[in-house]
Amino acid sequence: MTSTAYAPALPAPDAPWQEWATYGRAWGGGERVTGEPTQIASLRSWPITFHAYNEPTPGPRWRALWEATRSAYQTFYLSEGEAARPSLADCEAALERYMPELVPTWRRLAELTDHDQVAARLLTMWRMPIFAAGCSQIALPGDDPILTRNYDYDPELFEGVIASTNYSGSRAVLGTSDMLWGLVDGMNDAGLAISLTYGGRPGGSAGFAIPLVIRYLLETSTTVAQACQRLRGLPLAQAYNLAMVDTTGAHATVFVAPDSEPEISDLQVSTNHRLGEVEHPDIAQRLSSRERQEWLIERTQPESPHASEVSDWFGQEPLFNDRYSDGFGTLYTVSYRPSAGEATYRWGTQLLTRTFTDEDATWAVVLRGH
């Protein structure tokens, strides 16, 4: 992002979760933002420990994640009042109707929370409070397809978990966790990789939060074509761009939004507006969305670049963002190589490569920025 940007007022680090939820909605929900530009402050440090775990079926490792985050997640979930959230019966009915393949895992997770009814509702991700993340991504098809992305978000609201699972018993899934069992990016052992960026359209509607949608697509699809088909008729809470590649050489970037059918394109690069169209210039400008997309497109034409070169790009401006105090700093770069079954995370010169079968590990990172 640029050195000055109009932004919502940042809550104090120890502010109640409701203030952080309001802050996130101001970015993602199109609320009017007023005030003076945020000025460059001295560099600060944000230490994050990434926890990478391998647990095929939900058990002690997932339970530990729940125990560590339960208070924050439940406060977020109820930030608009319990009456604003759907009943357990409605949540279960929505999951059974639209994602029946996930119901057995959802029930197991609910058991691990000691049958906490608020947790069970939250875990369906049906009609959640809305939130938004920044991000840039590029899908490179071919014999050795690669999906590379930056995840731009608030370090205070990030799980820092890389999960390898096999919840279905027949398909391993590896990716970056969000909302306890959802994913903001990931791949499966069938050769499909998917990641998301916020789609730049404000507001939301009754639907599922996008992290569970990515989990669902990777659990049930083996190709880009199958994933695109499964998106049809699936109610989504907010607008996003989904980048996909698979080992057949196919790729797609799909714009999804509430109350509309998926818009499938062959665009390789996406940031924080609708595919190649800026519908809401104020949001796109705030997130430097057009600038980031054009910068990437210029470098991918006329030839497809080498994967290592692309990874280097994501550590540079304008893709790399150090505005952590504004809630949208780059937390990591990740490149998925589904043909090799590898995901490589990067922070500057630090690299962490994970496969579906790696043992548990922790990885300490210090992010520096404003």
Protein backbone atom coordinates (compact mmCIF):
# COMPACT_ATOMS: atom_id res chain seq x y z
CA MET A 1 0.00 0.00 0.00
CA THR A 2 1.04 3.62 -0.31
CA SER A 3 2.69 5.50 2.51
CA THR A 4 -0.57 7.25 3.41
CA ALA A 5 -4.02 5.73 3.19
CA TYR A 6 -7.44 6.52 4.55
CA ALA A 7 -8.33 3.83 7.05
CA PRO A 8 -10.75 3.05 9.85
CA ALA A 9 -9.57 3.98 13.31
CA LEU A 10 -7.44 1.13 14.64
CA PRO A 11 -8.62 -0.32 17.99
CA ALA A 12 -6.15 -0.64 20.82
CA PRO A 13 -4.36 -4.02 20.98
CA ASP A 14 -6.34 -4.98 24.09
CA ALA A 15 -9.67 -3.64 22.82
CA PRO A 16 -12.74 -5.90 23.06
CA TRP A 17 -13.25 -8.21 20.08
CA GLN A 18 -16.38 -6.26 19.12
CA GLU A 19 -14.22 -3.27 18.24
CA TRP A 20 -11.99 -5.43 16.04
CA ALA A 21 -15.06 -6.90 14.31
CA THR A 22 -16.40 -3.39 13.65
CA TYR A 23 -12.99 -2.42 12.31
CA GLY A 24 -12.99 -5.36 9.89
CA ARG A 25 -16.51 -4.56 8.70
CA ALA A 26 -15.47 -0.97 8.01
CA TRP A 27 -12.92 -2.31 5.52
CA GLY A 28 -15.02 -5.07 4.03
CA GLY A 29 -18.59 -3.81 4.43
CA GLY A 30 -18.38 -0.52 2.62
CA GLU A 31 -18.92 1.67 5.68
CA ARG A 32 -17.94 5.29 5.19
CA VAL A 33 -14.44 5.94 6.49
CA THR A 34 -13.48 9.44 7.49
CA GLY A 35 -10.55 11.12 9.14
CA GLU A 36 -7.00 12.10 8.42
CA PRO A 37 -4.61 9.82 6.50
CA THR A 38 -2.74 7.27 8.57
CA GLN A 39 0.85 8.50 8.81
CA ILE A 40 3.97 6.40 8.60
CA ALA A 41 5.07 5.37 12.08
CA SER A 42 8.38 3.93 13.16
CA LEU A 43 8.97 0.27 12.37
CA ARG A 44 7.44 -2.22 14.77
CA SER A 45 7.75 -5.97 15.20
CA TRP A 46 4.98 -8.56 15.14
CA PRO A 47 6.24 -12.00 16.22
CA ILE A 48 4.13 -14.93 14.99
CA THR A 49 4.67 -18.61 15.65
CA PHE A 50 3.29 -20.76 12.85
CA HIS A 51 2.06 -24.15 14.01
CA ALA A 52 2.08 -26.84 11.33
CA TYR A 53 0.27 -30.02 12.30
CA ASN A 54 -0.66 -33.32 10.72
CA GLU A 55 -3.86 -34.83 12.09
CA PRO A 56 -5.85 -36.89 9.55
CA THR A 57 -9.03 -36.98 11.66
CA PRO A 58 -10.05 -34.38 14.26
CA GLY A 59 -8.52 -35.20 17.62
CA PRO A 60 -6.21 -33.78 20.28
CA ARG A 61 -4.40 -31.41 17.93
CA TRP A 62 -7.60 -29.81 16.72
CA ARG A 63 -8.92 -29.72 20.29
CA ALA A 64 -5.80 -27.78 21.33
CA LEU A 65 -6.47 -25.23 18.57
CA TRP A 66 -10.04 -24.86 19.77
CA GLU A 67 -9.01 -24.36 23.38
CA ALA A 68 -6.46 -21.71 22.37
CA THR A 69 -8.91 -19.69 20.29
CA ARG A 70 -12.37 -20.45 21.66
CA SER A 71 -12.81 -17.24 23.64
CA ALA A 72 -11.82 -15.00 20.74
CA TYR A 73 -13.89 -16.88 18.17
CA GLN A 74 -17.00 -17.04 20.32
CA THR A 75 -16.75 -13.35 21.16
CA PHE A 76 -16.39 -12.55 17.47
CA TYR A 77 -19.29 -14.80 16.55
CA LEU A 78 -21.58 -13.12 19.10
CA SER A 79 -20.26 -9.58 18.51
CA GLU A 80 -23.61 -8.47 17.04
CA GLY A 81 -25.62 -10.26 19.71
CA GLU A 82 -26.70 -13.89 19.83
CA ALA A 83 -30.04 -13.09 18.18
CA ALA A 84 -28.18 -11.98 15.05
CA ARG A 85 -26.82 -15.49 14.57
CA PRO A 86 -28.93 -18.39 13.25
CA SER A 87 -30.16 -21.20 15.44
CA LEU A 88 -28.32 -24.50 15.64
CA ALA A 89 -31.15 -26.17 13.73
CA ASP A 90 -30.87 -23.62 10.90
CA CYS A 91 -27.09 -23.98 10.79
CA GLU A 92 -27.26 -27.76 10.64
CA ALA A 93 -29.98 -27.67 7.97
CA ALA A 94 -27.90 -25.34 5.78
CA LEU A 95 -24.83 -27.55 6.06
CA GLU A 96 -26.83 -30.71 5.32
CA ARG A 97 -28.46 -29.10 2.30
CA TYR A 98 -25.43 -27.52 0.65
CA MET A 99 -22.37 -29.39 1.95
CA PRO A 100 -23.57 -32.80 3.16
CA GLU A 101 -20.12 -34.31 2.68
CA LEU A 102 -18.82 -32.14 5.55
CA VAL A 103 -21.55 -33.03 8.05
CA PRO A 104 -19.75 -36.04 9.63
CA THR A 105 -16.62 -33.97 10.26
CA TRP A 106 -18.69 -31.07 11.61
CA ARG A 107 -20.36 -33.42 14.10
CA ARG A 108 -16.99 -34.76 15.21
CA LEU A 109 -15.69 -31.22 15.74
CA ALA A 110 -18.78 -30.32 17.73
CA GLU A 111 -18.09 -33.35 19.96
CA LEU A 112 -14.55 -32.08 20.58
CA THR A 113 -15.97 -28.79 21.89
CA ASP A 114 -17.93 -30.81 24.49
CA HIS A 115 -21.07 -30.19 22.45
CA ASP A 116 -20.91 -26.44 22.98
CA GLN A 117 -23.95 -25.20 21.03
CA VAL A 118 -22.46 -21.80 20.19
CA ALA A 119 -19.35 -23.56 18.89
CA ALA A 120 -21.46 -25.95 16.81
CA ARG A 121 -23.23 -23.02 15.19
CA LEU A 122 -19.96 -21.17 14.57
CA LEU A 123 -18.35 -24.22 12.98
CA THR A 124 -20.99 -24.36 10.23
CA MET A 125 -19.85 -20.85 9.19
CA TRP A 126 -23.43 -20.14 8.17
CA ARG A 127 -24.41 -16.47 8.39
CA MET A 128 -21.28 -15.32 10.18
CA PRO A 129 -20.33 -11.70 10.91
CA ILE A 130 -18.61 -10.42 7.78
CA PHE A 131 -14.88 -9.74 7.47
CA ALA A 132 -12.40 -9.07 4.68
CA ALA A 133 -8.75 -9.69 3.83
CA GLY A 134 -6.53 -8.10 1.20
CA CYS A 135 -4.22 -10.41 -0.83
CA SER A 136 -2.75 -10.89 -4.31
CA GLN A 137 -2.60 -14.21 -6.17
CA ILE A 138 -1.45 -15.73 -9.45
CA ALA A 139 -2.33 -19.07 -11.03
CA LEU A 140 0.32 -20.49 -13.37
CA PRO A 141 -0.99 -23.51 -15.32
CA GLY A 142 1.10 -26.05 -17.20
CA ASP A 143 2.85 -29.35 -16.64
CA ASP A 144 3.93 -28.24 -13.17
CA PRO A 145 1.16 -25.80 -12.14
CA ILE A 146 1.79 -23.35 -9.33
CA LEU A 147 -0.52 -21.17 -7.29
CA THR A 148 1.26 -18.33 -5.46
CA ARG A 149 -0.31 -15.78 -3.17
CA ASN A 150 0.28 -13.19 -0.46
CA TYR A 151 -2.08 -13.21 2.48
CA ASP A 152 -2.65 -9.68 3.77
CA TYR A 153 -4.48 -9.47 7.06
CA ASP A 154 -4.19 -8.33 10.66
CA PRO A 155 -1.54 -10.32 12.58
CA GLU A 156 -3.64 -10.00 15.74
CA LEU A 157 -6.52 -11.89 14.10
CA PHE A 158 -4.53 -14.68 12.44
CA GLU A 159 -4.43 -18.30 13.64
CA GLY A 160 -0.96 -19.01 12.29
CA VAL A 161 -1.86 -22.66 11.63
CA ILE A 162 -0.93 -24.89 8.68
CA ALA A 163 -3.06 -28.02 8.77
CA SER A 164 -2.64 -31.37 7.02
CA THR A 165 -5.84 -33.42 7.29
CA ASN A 166 -7.75 -36.30 5.76
CA TYR A 167 -11.22 -35.71 7.15
CA SER A 168 -12.99 -37.69 4.44
CA GLY A 169 -10.69 -40.68 4.85
CA SER A 170 -9.94 -40.67 1.14
CA ARG A 171 -8.46 -37.24 0.33
CA ALA A 172 -5.61 -35.46 2.04
CA VAL A 173 -5.85 -31.68 2.26
CA LEU A 174 -3.05 -29.26 3.19
CA GLY A 175 -3.52 -25.54 3.73
CA THR A 176 -3.61 -22.43 5.88
CA SER A 177 -6.28 -22.69 8.53
CA ASP A 178 -8.94 -20.12 9.36
CA MET A 179 -12.05 -20.35 11.51
CA LEU A 180 -10.71 -23.59 13.04
CA TRP A 181 -11.28 -25.91 10.08
CA GLY A 182 -11.73 -23.60 7.12
CA LEU A 183 -8.90 -22.63 4.77
CA VAL A 184 -7.80 -19.39 3.14
CA ASP A 185 -5.63 -21.38 0.72
CA GLY A 186 -4.76 -25.01 0.22
CA MET A 187 -4.44 -28.04 -2.03
CA ASN A 188 -5.48 -31.68 -2.04
CA ASP A 189 -3.65 -34.85 -3.00
CA ALA A 190 -5.75 -35.16 -6.15
CA GLY A 191 -3.83 -32.21 -7.63
CA LEU A 192 -6.15 -29.22 -7.04
CA ALA A 193 -5.03 -25.97 -5.38
CA ILE A 194 -7.24 -22.99 -4.45
CA SER A 195 -6.71 -19.61 -2.77
CA LEU A 196 -8.83 -16.52 -2.18
CA THR A 197 -8.75 -12.75 -2.30
CA TYR A 198 -11.45 -10.36 -1.15
CA GLY A 199 -13.55 -9.44 -4.21
CA GLY A 200 -14.00 -5.73 -3.46
CA ARG A 201 -17.80 -5.73 -3.38
CA PRO A 202 -19.11 -4.39 -0.04
CA GLY A 203 -21.76 -5.94 2.15
CA GLY A 204 -22.89 -9.48 2.61
CA SER A 205 -25.85 -11.81 2.60
CA ALA A 206 -27.06 -15.08 4.09
CA GLY A 207 -24.49 -17.67 3.11
CA PHE A 208 -21.35 -19.54 4.12
CA ALA A 209 -18.06 -17.90 5.06
CA ILE A 210 -15.47 -18.48 2.37
CA PRO A 211 -12.95 -20.50 4.46
CA LEU A 212 -15.42 -23.38 4.74
CA VAL A 213 -16.18 -23.14 1.02
CA ILE A 214 -12.50 -23.69 0.18
CA ARG A 215 -12.42 -26.64 2.59
CA TYR A 216 -15.52 -28.04 0.88
CA LEU A 217 -14.11 -27.66 -2.65
CA LEU A 218 -10.83 -29.36 -1.74
CA GLU A 219 -12.61 -32.18 0.09
CA THR A 220 -14.97 -32.94 -2.80
CA SER A 221 -13.24 -31.93 -6.06
CA THR A 222 -10.28 -33.21 -8.04
CA THR A 223 -10.16 -30.66 -10.88
CA VAL A 224 -10.79 -26.98 -11.52
CA ALA A 225 -13.85 -27.91 -13.57
CA GLN A 226 -15.37 -29.90 -10.71
CA ALA A 227 -14.70 -27.12 -8.20
CA CYS A 228 -16.34 -24.53 -10.45
CA GLN A 229 -19.37 -26.75 -10.87
CA ARG A 230 -19.72 -27.24 -7.12
CA LEU A 231 -19.76 -23.47 -6.60
CA ARG A 232 -22.99 -23.15 -8.59
CA GLY A 233 -25.97 -22.69 -6.33
CA LEU A 234 -23.80 -22.48 -3.20
CA PRO A 235 -24.86 -19.47 -1.07
CA LEU A 236 -21.87 -17.31 -0.14
CA ALA A 237 -21.74 -14.57 2.46
CA GLN A 238 -19.38 -12.16 0.68
CA ALA A 239 -17.62 -11.42 -2.60
CA TYR A 240 -14.29 -13.12 -3.34
CA ASN A 241 -11.98 -14.09 -6.18
CA LEU A 242 -10.95 -17.76 -6.07
CA ALA A 243 -7.79 -18.74 -7.96
CA MET A 244 -7.47 -22.39 -8.96
CA VAL A 245 -4.99 -24.69 -10.70
CA ASP A 246 -4.89 -28.45 -11.12
CA THR A 247 -2.45 -31.04 -12.45
CA THR A 248 -4.35 -31.45 -15.72
CA GLY A 249 -2.99 -28.00 -16.62
CA ALA A 250 -6.29 -26.22 -16.10
CA HIS A 251 -6.69 -22.95 -14.24
CA ALA A 252 -9.41 -20.42 -13.48
CA THR A 253 -10.13 -17.32 -11.46
CA VAL A 254 -13.71 -17.30 -10.25
CA PHE A 255 -15.56 -14.29 -8.90
CA VAL A 256 -18.17 -15.34 -6.36
CA ALA A 257 -20.64 -13.10 -4.57
CA PRO A 258 -23.92 -13.34 -2.67
CA ASP A 259 -27.07 -13.89 -4.71
CA SER A 260 -25.26 -14.42 -8.02
CA GLU A 261 -23.81 -17.31 -9.97
CA PRO A 262 -20.02 -17.73 -10.13
CA GLU A 263 -18.28 -15.77 -12.88
CA ILE A 264 -15.53 -17.99 -14.30
CA SER A 265 -12.57 -16.45 -16.13
CA ASP A 266 -9.16 -17.46 -17.45
CA LEU A 267 -7.55 -14.53 -15.67
CA GLN A 268 -4.30 -15.59 -14.03
CA VAL A 269 -3.90 -12.63 -11.68
CA SER A 270 -6.41 -11.33 -9.14
CA THR A 271 -6.31 -8.87 -6.28
CA ASN A 272 -9.18 -7.10 -4.50
CA HIS A 273 -11.71 -6.20 -7.14
CA ARG A 274 -13.99 -8.19 -9.41
CA LEU A 275 -11.66 -10.03 -11.79
CA GLY A 276 -10.53 -7.23 -14.16
CA GLU A 277 -13.35 -4.80 -13.34
CA VAL A 278 -13.19 -2.22 -10.56
CA GLU A 279 -16.77 -1.96 -9.32
CA HIS A 280 -16.00 0.09 -6.20
CA PRO A 281 -13.07 2.45 -6.80
CA ASP A 282 -12.98 3.63 -3.19
CA ILE A 283 -12.32 0.09 -1.92
CA ALA A 284 -9.87 -0.72 -4.74
CA GLN A 285 -7.92 2.47 -4.09
CA ARG A 286 -7.81 1.86 -0.35
CA LEU A 287 -6.25 -1.56 -0.95
CA SER A 288 -4.10 -0.54 -3.99
CA SER A 289 -5.94 -3.31 -5.81
CA ARG A 290 -5.66 -2.10 -9.41
CA GLU A 291 -2.01 -1.15 -8.94
CA ARG A 292 -1.10 -4.63 -7.64
CA GLN A 293 -3.00 -6.44 -10.38
CA GLU A 294 -1.50 -4.37 -13.20
CA TRP A 295 1.99 -4.80 -11.77
CA LEU A 296 1.61 -8.58 -11.85
CA ILE A 297 -0.01 -8.70 -15.28
CA GLU A 298 2.83 -6.66 -16.79
CA ARG A 299 5.32 -9.23 -15.55
CA THR A 300 3.44 -12.28 -16.78
CA GLN A 301 3.26 -11.15 -20.40
CA PRO A 302 4.12 -12.31 -22.95
CA GLU A 303 5.71 -15.37 -21.30
CA SER A 304 4.85 -17.33 -18.19
CA PRO A 305 7.56 -16.64 -15.58
CA HIS A 306 9.54 -19.16 -13.57
CA ALA A 307 8.04 -20.09 -10.22
CA SER A 308 11.00 -18.84 -8.17
CA GLU A 309 10.82 -15.49 -9.95
CA VAL A 310 7.13 -15.16 -9.04
CA SER A 311 7.83 -15.92 -5.39
CA ASP A 312 10.42 -13.11 -5.38
CA TRP A 313 7.84 -10.69 -6.78
CA PHE A 314 5.51 -11.27 -3.87
CA GLY A 315 8.15 -10.00 -1.48
CA GLN A 316 8.34 -6.65 -3.28
CA GLU A 317 6.19 -3.54 -3.38
CA PRO A 318 3.45 -3.08 -4.40
CA LEU A 319 2.53 -6.72 -3.64
CA PHE A 320 4.21 -6.86 -0.26
CA ASN A 321 2.40 -4.73 2.29
CA ASP A 322 3.84 -3.74 5.67
CA ARG A 323 0.85 -1.77 7.00
CA TYR A 324 0.24 -4.15 9.89
CA SER A 325 -1.14 -1.42 12.14
CA ASP A 326 -3.86 -0.79 9.56
CA GLY A 327 -4.82 -4.47 9.62
CA PHE A 328 -3.58 -5.43 6.15
CA GLY A 329 0.06 -6.43 6.27
CA THR A 330 1.48 -9.39 4.36
CA LEU A 331 1.56 -12.29 6.80
CA TYR A 332 3.11 -14.81 4.41
CA THR A 333 3.70 -15.78 0.80
CA VAL A 334 2.85 -19.35 -0.16
CA SER A 335 3.39 -21.30 -3.38
CA TYR A 336 1.46 -24.53 -3.95
CA ARG A 337 2.87 -27.15 -6.31
CA PRO A 338 0.11 -29.79 -6.45
CA SER A 339 2.08 -32.04 -8.80
CA ALA A 340 4.81 -32.31 -6.15
CA GLY A 341 2.44 -32.21 -3.18
CA GLU A 342 4.37 -29.30 -1.69
CA ALA A 343 3.46 -25.95 -0.20
CA THR A 344 6.34 -23.52 0.39
CA TYR A 345 5.77 -20.62 2.78
CA ARG A 346 8.07 -17.63 2.61
CA TRP A 347 8.94 -14.68 4.84
CA GLY A 348 11.80 -12.77 3.25
CA THR A 349 14.63 -15.32 3.06
CA GLN A 350 12.94 -17.76 5.47
CA LEU A 351 11.31 -20.76 3.81
CA LEU A 352 9.11 -23.52 5.19
CA THR A 353 8.07 -26.38 2.89
CA ARG A 354 5.22 -28.66 3.96
CA THR A 355 3.88 -31.87 2.45
CA PHE A 356 0.81 -33.92 3.28
CA THR A 357 2.80 -36.32 5.47
CA ASP A 358 5.19 -34.05 7.38
CA GLU A 359 5.19 -34.29 11.16
CA ASP A 360 4.13 -31.45 13.44
CA ALA A 361 6.43 -28.45 13.55
CA THR A 362 6.57 -24.84 14.71
CA TRP A 363 8.14 -21.94 12.87
CA ALA A 364 8.91 -18.55 14.44
CA VAL A 365 8.60 -15.43 12.27
CA VAL A 366 9.03 -11.77 13.10
CA LEU A 367 7.13 -9.42 10.81
CA ARG A 368 8.39 -5.85 10.66
CA GLY A 369 6.48 -2.89 9.38
CA HIS A 370 4.25 0.04 10.27
